[in-house]
Amino acid sequence: MTVSLTNTSGRCLVFVLPHEGYCDAVGRCLCGPPARRDNGPVASSLTLPSASVAGPLDDAVLGLPDVVRAVRRGDVTVTRHVPEPPRPSTPSTPKKRGSG
């Protein structure tokens, strides 16, 4: 499932997306290229300017402690995106010959 985050704090918010927590939960690495001396992954981040909406994001973002605190404080609101169920396909009726 995916979510959108809306910044309602009135100021810019930045959330670090740590490799050990976020990338593991998402199932793929979203970190930047290794730029550290130990060649470890450099965590990416999510920047939310005031009154902006970020999304769709993987719902793994809701497991990050900083995001949880921001939601509890009322600085961020969460909108869940529920996928629409597939529509049943209607069988097409073959046209009769001679009918336009």
Protein backbone atom coordinates (compact mmCIF):
# COMPACT_ATOMS: atom_id res chain seq x y z
CA MET A 1 0.00 0.00 0.00
CA THR A 2 1.14 3.56 -0.54
CA VAL A 3 0.64 6.74 1.44
CA SER A 4 1.04 10.48 0.99
CA LEU A 5 2.40 12.78 3.68
CA THR A 6 1.18 16.37 4.00
CA ASN A 7 3.24 18.90 5.92
CA THR A 8 0.89 20.91 8.15
CA SER A 9 3.60 22.30 10.46
CA GLY A 10 4.15 25.65 8.76
CA ARG A 11 7.87 24.96 8.35
CA CYS A 12 10.09 22.75 6.22
CA LEU A 13 10.53 19.18 7.50
CA VAL A 14 13.28 16.73 6.58
CA PHE A 15 13.17 13.01 7.34
CA VAL A 16 16.22 10.77 6.96
CA LEU A 17 15.40 7.44 5.31
CA PRO A 18 17.95 5.12 6.97
CA HIS A 19 19.24 2.17 5.00
CA GLU A 20 18.82 -0.29 7.89
CA GLY A 21 15.18 0.61 8.47
CA TYR A 22 13.63 2.08 5.35
CA CYS A 23 15.48 0.33 2.52
CA ASP A 24 15.12 -3.03 4.25
CA ALA A 25 11.36 -2.51 4.63
CA VAL A 26 10.91 -1.34 1.03
CA GLY A 27 12.93 -4.26 -0.29
CA ARG A 28 15.40 -2.26 -2.38
CA CYS A 29 18.13 0.24 -1.67
CA LEU A 30 17.18 3.87 -2.21
CA CYS A 31 20.42 5.27 -0.78
CA GLY A 32 22.83 7.49 -2.64
CA PRO A 33 26.14 6.25 -4.01
CA PRO A 34 28.78 5.38 -1.42
CA ALA A 35 30.53 8.61 -0.48
CA ARG A 36 31.80 7.63 2.92
CA ARG A 37 35.25 6.31 3.73
CA ASP A 38 33.85 2.92 4.65
CA ASN A 39 31.91 2.71 1.33
CA GLY A 40 28.66 2.27 3.25
CA PRO A 41 25.38 3.49 1.81
CA VAL A 42 24.50 7.15 2.25
CA ALA A 43 20.91 7.43 3.45
CA SER A 44 18.47 9.37 1.34
CA SER A 45 16.02 11.84 2.81
CA LEU A 46 12.53 13.15 2.30
CA THR A 47 12.11 16.92 2.33
CA LEU A 48 8.63 18.34 2.87
CA PRO A 49 8.35 22.10 2.37
CA SER A 50 5.56 23.80 4.30
CA ALA A 51 2.07 22.85 3.08
CA SER A 52 3.44 20.35 0.55
CA VAL A 53 2.35 16.80 -0.17
CA ALA A 54 4.83 13.98 -0.81
CA GLY A 55 3.64 10.78 -2.35
CA PRO A 56 2.86 8.23 -3.26
CA LEU A 57 5.38 6.75 -0.82
CA ASP A 58 5.81 3.20 0.36
CA ASP A 59 4.00 2.78 3.67
CA ALA A 60 7.35 1.75 5.20
CA VAL A 61 7.84 5.48 5.81
CA LEU A 62 5.27 5.18 8.60
CA GLY A 63 7.68 2.95 10.51
CA LEU A 64 10.31 5.67 10.86
CA PRO A 65 10.42 7.10 14.40
CA ASP A 66 10.78 10.71 13.20
CA VAL A 67 7.72 10.37 10.96
CA VAL A 68 5.73 8.74 13.78
CA ARG A 69 6.60 11.65 16.10
CA ALA A 70 5.66 14.23 13.45
CA VAL A 71 2.28 12.56 12.90
CA ARG A 72 1.61 12.42 16.65
CA ARG A 73 2.50 16.12 17.00
CA GLY A 74 0.14 16.99 14.15
CA ASP A 75 2.97 18.30 11.95
CA VAL A 76 2.22 15.71 9.25
CA THR A 77 -1.03 14.12 8.10
CA VAL A 78 -1.17 10.76 6.36
CA THR A 79 -3.40 9.83 3.44
CA ARG A 80 -3.57 6.14 2.57
CA HIS A 81 -4.00 5.17 -1.06
CA VAL A 82 -6.05 2.02 -1.42
CA PRO A 83 -5.66 0.37 -4.80
CA GLU A 84 -8.86 0.09 -6.77
CA PRO A 85 -10.07 -3.48 -7.22
CA PRO A 86 -9.68 -4.74 -10.76
CA ARG A 87 -12.77 -4.23 -12.84
CA PRO A 88 -14.27 -7.40 -14.24
CA SER A 89 -13.83 -7.61 -17.95
CA THR A 90 -17.04 -7.74 -19.92
CA PRO A 91 -16.99 -10.25 -22.70
CA SER A 92 -17.48 -8.59 -26.03
CA THR A 93 -20.40 -9.84 -28.04
CA PRO A 94 -19.49 -10.68 -31.60
CA LYS A 95 -21.26 -8.59 -34.21
CA LYS A 96 -23.57 -10.42 -36.59
CA ARG A 97 -22.67 -10.24 -40.23
CA GLY A 98 -24.64 -7.74 -42.14
CA SER A 99 -25.46 -5.59 -39.12
CA GLY A 100 -23.59 -2.29 -39.31
